[in-house]
PDB file of N, CA and C in Angstrom:
ATOM      1  N   UNK A   1     100.820  41.387 128.951  1.00  0.00           N
ATOM      2  CA  UNK A   1     102.203  42.453 129.378  1.00  0.00           C
ATOM      3  C   UNK A   1     101.810  43.607 130.032  1.00  0.00           C
ATOM      4  N   UNK A   2     102.729  43.198 131.293  1.00  0.00           N
ATOM      5  CA  UNK A   2     102.510  44.330 132.247  1.00  0.00           C
ATOM      6  C   UNK A   2     103.055  45.622 131.666  1.00  0.00           C
ATOM      7  N   UNK A   3     102.449  47.149 131.831  1.00  0.00           N
ATOM      8  CA  UNK A   3     102.606  48.158 131.492  1.00  0.00           C
ATOM      9  C   UNK A   3     103.137  49.197 133.088  1.00  0.00           C
ATOM     10  N   UNK A   4     102.128  49.408 133.811  1.00  0.00           N
ATOM     11  CA  UNK A   4     102.837  50.039 134.982  1.00  0.00           C
ATOM     12  C   UNK A   4     103.328  48.913 136.215  1.00  0.00           C
ATOM     13  N   UNK A   5     104.491  49.196 136.405  1.00  0.00           N
ATOM     14  CA  UNK A   5     104.714  47.786 137.284  1.00  0.00           C
ATOM     15  C   UNK A   5     104.472  48.334 139.055  1.00  0.00           C
ATOM     16  N   UNK A   6     104.155  49.476 138.755  1.00  0.00           N
ATOM     17  CA  UNK A   6     104.291  50.156 140.502  1.00  0.00           C
ATOM     18  C   UNK A   6     102.714  49.639 140.858  1.00  0.00           C
ATOM     19  N   UNK A   7     101.708  49.970 139.818  1.00  0.00           N
ATOM     20  CA  UNK A   7     100.342  49.507 140.152  1.00  0.00           C
ATOM     21  C   UNK A   7     100.104  47.746 139.746  1.00  0.00           C
ATOM     22  N   UNK A   8     100.677  47.144 138.735  1.00  0.00           N
ATOM     23  CA  UNK A   8     100.569  46.023 138.476  1.00  0.00           C
ATOM     24  C   UNK A   8      99.227  45.968 137.163  1.00  0.00           C
ATOM     25  N   UNK A   9      99.453  47.097 137.063  1.00  0.00           N
ATOM     26  CA  UNK A   9      98.492  46.846 135.712  1.00  0.00           C
ATOM     27  C   UNK A   9      98.715  46.514 133.769  1.00  0.00           C
ATOM     28  N   UNK A  10      98.252  45.469 133.688  1.00  0.00           N
ATOM     29  CA  UNK A  10      98.392  45.384 132.350  1.00  0.00           C
ATOM     30  C   UNK A  10      97.824  46.208 130.900  1.00  0.00           C
ATOM     31  N   UNK A  11      98.732  45.436 130.169  1.00  0.00           N
ATOM     32  CA  UNK A  11      98.016  45.901 128.898  1.00  0.00           C
ATOM     33  C   UNK A  11      96.567  46.019 128.526  1.00  0.00           C
ATOM     34  N   UNK A  12      96.345  44.787 128.773  1.00  0.00           N
ATOM     35  CA  UNK A  12      94.935  44.095 128.807  1.00  0.00           C
ATOM     36  C   UNK A  12      93.939  44.888 129.505  1.00  0.00           C
ATOM     37  N   UNK A  13      94.616  44.970 130.862  1.00  0.00           N
ATOM     38  CA  UNK A  13      93.466  46.228 131.299  1.00  0.00           C
ATOM     39  C   UNK A  13      93.175  47.690 131.103  1.00  0.00           C
ATOM     40  N   UNK A  14      94.229  48.135 130.647  1.00  0.00           N
ATOM     41  CA  UNK A  14      94.192  49.528 129.990  1.00  0.00           C
ATOM     42  C   UNK A  14      92.897  49.430 128.616  1.00  0.00           C
ATOM     43  N   UNK A  15      93.024  48.214 127.923  1.00  0.00           N
ATOM     44  CA  UNK A  15      92.598  48.232 126.945  1.00  0.00           C
ATOM     45  C   UNK A  15      91.265  47.886 127.202  1.00  0.00           C
ATOM     46  N   UNK A  16      91.094  47.429 128.363  1.00  0.00           N
ATOM     47  CA  UNK A  16      89.501  47.063 128.759  1.00  0.00           C
ATOM     48  C   UNK A  16      89.121  48.127 129.097  1.00  0.00           C
ATOM     49  N   UNK A  17      89.358  48.867 129.981  1.00  0.00           N
ATOM     50  CA  UNK A  17      89.154  50.387 130.459  1.00  0.00           C
ATOM     51  C   UNK A  17      89.278  51.360 128.919  1.00  0.00           C
ATOM     52  N   UNK A  18      89.421  51.563 128.026  1.00  0.00           N
ATOM     53  CA  UNK A  18      89.552  52.276 127.291  1.00  0.00           C
ATOM     54  C   UNK A  18      88.372  51.820 126.060  1.00  0.00           C
ATOM     55  N   UNK A  19      88.423  50.561 125.728  1.00  0.00           N
ATOM     56  CA  UNK A  19      87.234  50.200 124.742  1.00  0.00           C
ATOM     57  C   UNK A  19      86.120  49.963 125.692  1.00  0.00           C
ATOM     58  N   UNK A  20      85.337  50.278 126.852  1.00  0.00           N
ATOM     59  CA  UNK A  20      84.099  50.426 127.980  1.00  0.00           C
ATOM     60  C   UNK A  20      83.744  52.144 127.641  1.00  0.00           C
ATOM     61  N   UNK A  21      84.622  52.993 127.363  1.00  0.00           N
ATOM     62  CA  UNK A  21      84.583  54.313 126.896  1.00  0.00           C
ATOM     63  C   UNK A  21      85.461  55.001 126.839  1.00  0.00           C
ATOM     64  N   UNK A  22      85.523  56.380 125.697  1.00  0.00           N
ATOM     65  CA  UNK A  22      86.773  56.509 125.169  1.00  0.00           C
ATOM     66  C   UNK A  22      87.136  57.874 126.123  1.00  0.00           C
ATOM     67  N   UNK A  23      88.794  57.968 126.397  1.00  0.00           N
ATOM     68  CA  UNK A  23      89.222  58.137 127.833  1.00  0.00           C
ATOM     69  C   UNK A  23      90.412  58.900 127.496  1.00  0.00           C
ATOM     70  N   UNK A  24      91.011  59.745 128.269  1.00  0.00           N
ATOM     71  CA  UNK A  24      92.311  60.728 128.153  1.00  0.00           C
ATOM     72  C   UNK A  24      93.047  59.793 128.623  1.00  0.00           C
ATOM     73  N   UNK A  25      94.186  60.273 129.089  1.00  0.00           N
ATOM     74  CA  UNK A  25      95.712  59.728 130.314  1.00  0.00           C
ATOM     75  C   UNK A  25      95.244  59.731 131.181  1.00  0.00           C
ATOM     76  N   UNK A  26      94.492  60.827 131.580  1.00  0.00           N
ATOM     77  CA  UNK A  26      94.218  61.745 132.704  1.00  0.00           C
ATOM     78  C   UNK A  26      93.072  60.860 133.490  1.00  0.00           C
ATOM     79  N   UNK A  27      92.470  60.379 132.638  1.00  0.00           N
ATOM     80  CA  UNK A  27      91.193  59.264 133.003  1.00  0.00           C
ATOM     81  C   UNK A  27      91.574  58.463 133.189  1.00  0.00           C
ATOM     82  N   UNK A  28      92.447  57.716 132.431  1.00  0.00           N
ATOM     83  CA  UNK A  28      93.080  56.561 132.667  1.00  0.00           C
ATOM     84  C   UNK A  28      94.122  56.627 133.958  1.00  0.00           C
ATOM     85  N   UNK A  29      94.135  57.560 133.965  1.00  0.00           N
ATOM     86  CA  UNK A  29      95.455  57.433 135.715  1.00  0.00           C
ATOM     87  C   UNK A  29      93.910  57.242 136.652  1.00  0.00           C
ATOM     88  N   UNK A  30      93.138  58.092 136.807  1.00  0.00           N
ATOM     89  CA  UNK A  30      92.233  57.970 137.665  1.00  0.00           C
ATOM     90  C   UNK A  30      91.381  56.772 137.776  1.00  0.00           C
ATOM     91  N   UNK A  31      91.158  56.006 136.800  1.00  0.00           N
ATOM     92  CA  UNK A  31      90.794  54.594 137.176  1.00  0.00           C
ATOM     93  C   UNK A  31      91.467  53.680 137.662  1.00  0.00           C
ATOM     94  N   UNK A  32      92.735  53.792 136.608  1.00  0.00           N
ATOM     95  CA  UNK A  32      93.604  52.405 137.416  1.00  0.00           C
ATOM     96  C   UNK A  32      94.905  52.440 137.939  1.00  0.00           C
ATOM     97  N   UNK A  33      95.358  54.173 138.068  1.00  0.00           N
ATOM     98  CA  UNK A  33      96.184  54.521 138.654  1.00  0.00           C
ATOM     99  C   UNK A  33      97.443  54.275 138.099  1.00  0.00           C
ATOM    100  N   UNK A  34      97.678  53.798 136.728  1.00  0.00           N
ATOM    101  CA  UNK A  34      98.657  53.968 135.594  1.00  0.00           C
ATOM    102  C   UNK A  34      99.204  55.282 135.588  1.00  0.00           C
ATOM    103  N   UNK A  35     100.810  55.787 135.954  1.00  0.00           N
ATOM    104  CA  UNK A  35     101.458  56.546 135.789  1.00  0.00           C
ATOM    105  C   UNK A  35     101.335  57.462 137.359  1.00  0.00           C
ATOM    106  N   UNK A  36     100.847  57.573 138.326  1.00  0.00           N
ATOM    107  CA  UNK A  36     100.735  57.766 138.982  1.00  0.00           C
ATOM    108  C   UNK A  36     102.194  58.218 140.276  1.00  0.00           C
ATOM    109  N   UNK A  37     102.600  56.991 139.894  1.00  0.00           N
ATOM    110  CA  UNK A  37     103.757  56.347 141.286  1.00  0.00           C
ATOM    111  C   UNK A  37     105.527  57.054 139.933  1.00  0.00           C
ATOM    112  N   UNK A  38     105.889  56.371 139.861  1.00  0.00           N
ATOM    113  CA  UNK A  38     107.240  56.579 139.044  1.00  0.00           C
ATOM    114  C   UNK A  38     106.700  57.705 137.741  1.00  0.00           C
ATOM    115  N   UNK A  39     105.555  57.426 136.773  1.00  0.00           N
ATOM    116  CA  UNK A  39     105.813  57.621 135.953  1.00  0.00           C
ATOM    117  C   UNK A  39     106.191  57.338 134.384  1.00  0.00           C
ATOM    118  N   UNK A  40     107.209  55.873 134.459  1.00  0.00           N
ATOM    119  CA  UNK A  40     107.777  55.306 133.214  1.00  0.00           C
ATOM    120  C   UNK A  40     106.823  54.744 132.780  1.00  0.00           C
ATOM    121  N   UNK A  41     105.892  54.336 132.758  1.00  0.00           N
ATOM    122  CA  UNK A  41     105.030  53.785 132.009  1.00  0.00           C
ATOM    123  C   UNK A  41     103.659  54.536 131.276  1.00  0.00           C
ATOM    124  N   UNK A  42     103.875  55.872 131.399  1.00  0.00           N
ATOM    125  CA  UNK A  42     102.932  56.966 130.901  1.00  0.00           C
ATOM    126  C   UNK A  42     103.496  56.792 129.145  1.00  0.00           C
ATOM    127  N   UNK A  43     103.811  56.905 128.600  1.00  0.00           N
ATOM    128  CA  UNK A  43     104.347  56.846 127.474  1.00  0.00           C
ATOM    129  C   UNK A  43     103.548  56.303 126.661  1.00  0.00           C
ATOM    130  N   UNK A  44     103.987  55.123 127.327  1.00  0.00           N
ATOM    131  CA  UNK A  44     103.366  53.954 126.727  1.00  0.00           C
ATOM    132  C   UNK A  44     101.490  53.257 126.772  1.00  0.00           C
ATOM    133  N   UNK A  45     101.021  53.628 127.872  1.00  0.00           N
ATOM    134  CA  UNK A  45     100.151  53.844 128.065  1.00  0.00           C
ATOM    135  C   UNK A  45      99.170  55.228 127.184  1.00  0.00           C
ATOM    136  N   UNK A  46     100.187  55.998 126.787  1.00  0.00           N
ATOM    137  CA  UNK A  46      99.539  56.753 126.131  1.00  0.00           C
ATOM    138  C   UNK A  46      99.534  56.136 124.785  1.00  0.00           C
ATOM    139  N   UNK A  47     100.225  55.266 123.870  1.00  0.00           N
ATOM    140  CA  UNK A  47     100.322  54.805 122.832  1.00  0.00           C
ATOM    141  C   UNK A  47      99.427  54.236 123.005  1.00  0.00           C
ATOM    142  N   UNK A  48      98.754  53.194 123.885  1.00  0.00           N
ATOM    143  CA  UNK A  48      97.671  52.395 123.886  1.00  0.00           C
ATOM    144  C   UNK A  48      96.823  53.131 123.270  1.00  0.00           C
ATOM    145  N   UNK A  49      96.258  53.997 123.987  1.00  0.00           N
ATOM    146  CA  UNK A  49      95.262  54.922 123.852  1.00  0.00           C
ATOM    147  C   UNK A  49      94.897  55.259 122.595  1.00  0.00           C
ATOM    148  N   UNK A  50      95.998  56.237 122.070  1.00  0.00           N
ATOM    149  CA  UNK A  50      96.392  56.315 120.530  1.00  0.00           C
ATOM    150  C   UNK A  50      95.849  55.475 119.724  1.00  0.00           C
ATOM    151  N   UNK A  51      96.505  54.020 120.265  1.00  0.00           N
ATOM    152  CA  UNK A  51      96.359  52.820 119.245  1.00  0.00           C
ATOM    153  C   UNK A  51      94.813  52.615 119.028  1.00  0.00           C
ATOM    154  N   UNK A  52      94.012  52.582 120.176  1.00  0.00           N
ATOM    155  CA  UNK A  52      92.395  52.519 120.377  1.00  0.00           C
ATOM    156  C   UNK A  52      91.799  53.350 120.129  1.00  0.00           C
ATOM    157  N   UNK A  53      92.285  54.508 119.707  1.00  0.00           N
ATOM    158  CA  UNK A  53      91.354  55.777 118.762  1.00  0.00           C
ATOM    159  C   UNK A  53      90.951  56.439 120.426  1.00  0.00           C
ATOM    160  N   UNK A  54      91.515  56.615 121.101  1.00  0.00           N
ATOM    161  CA  UNK A  54      90.884  57.311 122.503  1.00  0.00           C
ATOM    162  C   UNK A  54      91.315  58.866 122.293  1.00  0.00           C
ATOM    163  N   UNK A  55      91.801  59.984 122.950  1.00  0.00           N
ATOM    164  CA  UNK A  55      92.305  60.743 123.177  1.00  0.00           C
ATOM    165  C   UNK A  55      93.561  60.977 123.237  1.00  0.00           C
ATOM    166  N   UNK A  56      94.550  59.903 123.867  1.00  0.00           N
ATOM    167  CA  UNK A  56      95.641  59.589 124.101  1.00  0.00           C
ATOM    168  C   UNK A  56      96.448  60.384 124.585  1.00  0.00           C
ATOM    169  N   UNK A  57      97.507  60.565 124.226  1.00  0.00           N
ATOM    170  CA  UNK A  57      98.763  61.625 124.331  1.00  0.00           C
ATOM    171  C   UNK A  57      98.006  63.119 123.269  1.00  0.00           C
ATOM    172  N   UNK A  58      97.263  64.212 124.288  1.00  0.00           N
ATOM    173  CA  UNK A  58      97.594  65.670 123.271  1.00  0.00           C
ATOM    174  C   UNK A  58      98.218  66.562 124.430  1.00  0.00           C
ATOM    175  N   UNK A  59      99.373  65.929 124.866  1.00  0.00           N
ATOM    176  CA  UNK A  59     100.747  67.017 125.575  1.00  0.00           C
ATOM    177  C   UNK A  59     100.137  66.322 127.145  1.00  0.00           C
ATOM    178  N   UNK A  60      98.850  65.894 127.431  1.00  0.00           N
ATOM    179  CA  UNK A  60      98.706  65.940 129.291  1.00  0.00           C
ATOM    180  C   UNK A  60      99.561  64.738 129.070  1.00  0.00           C
ATOM    181  N   UNK A  61      99.995  63.575 128.217  1.00  0.00           N
ATOM    182  CA  UNK A  61     101.100  62.789 128.962  1.00  0.00           C
ATOM    183  C   UNK A  61     101.874  63.450 129.894  1.00  0.00           C
ATOM    184  N   UNK A  62     102.688  64.333 129.337  1.00  0.00           N
ATOM    185  CA  UNK A  62     103.692  64.668 129.848  1.00  0.00           C
ATOM    186  C   UNK A  62     103.636  64.914 131.230  1.00  0.00           C
ATOM    187  N   UNK A  63     102.586  65.678 131.818  1.00  0.00           N
ATOM    188  CA  UNK A  63     102.488  66.067 133.147  1.00  0.00           C
ATOM    189  C   UNK A  63     101.397  64.858 134.165  1.00  0.00           C
ATOM    190  N   UNK A  64     100.926  64.099 133.202  1.00  0.00           N
ATOM    191  CA  UNK A  64     100.482  62.946 133.913  1.00  0.00           C
ATOM    192  C   UNK A  64     101.287  62.197 134.603  1.00  0.00           C
ATOM    193  N   UNK A  65     101.470  62.114 136.085  1.00  0.00           N
ATOM    194  CA  UNK A  65     102.598  61.024 136.487  1.00  0.00           C
ATOM    195  C   UNK A  65     103.973  61.539 136.902  1.00  0.00           C
ATOM    196  N   UNK A  66     103.999  62.449 136.270  1.00  0.00           N
ATOM    197  CA  UNK A  66     105.314  63.780 136.108  1.00  0.00           C
ATOM    198  C   UNK A  66     105.546  63.697 137.871  1.00  0.00           C
ATOM    199  N   UNK A  67     106.734  64.029 138.157  1.00  0.00           N
ATOM    200  CA  UNK A  67     107.231  64.059 140.018  1.00  0.00           C
ATOM    201  C   UNK A  67     108.757  64.765 139.644  1.00  0.00           C
TER     202      UNK A  67
END
C-alpha cells in the first residue's frame, strides 16, 4: 500500500528501512522523503514506526513535513 503518494513510498519500503536500523520519523524522512512534501502521510508513517518498535512519533511527527 502506498503511504506517501507524493514520493511513491510504500508501506513495505518504510518497513524495510525501519527494520534495517531503529529510526525516528526525521531519519525516515531523510532516507525516503516521506512527509516532506504535502505531509499528509506523516501520521501514518509515524504509526508504522511505532508498530515496528522504533522511536516513531515522539512529538516530532507533527513538525516533519508540516508546511
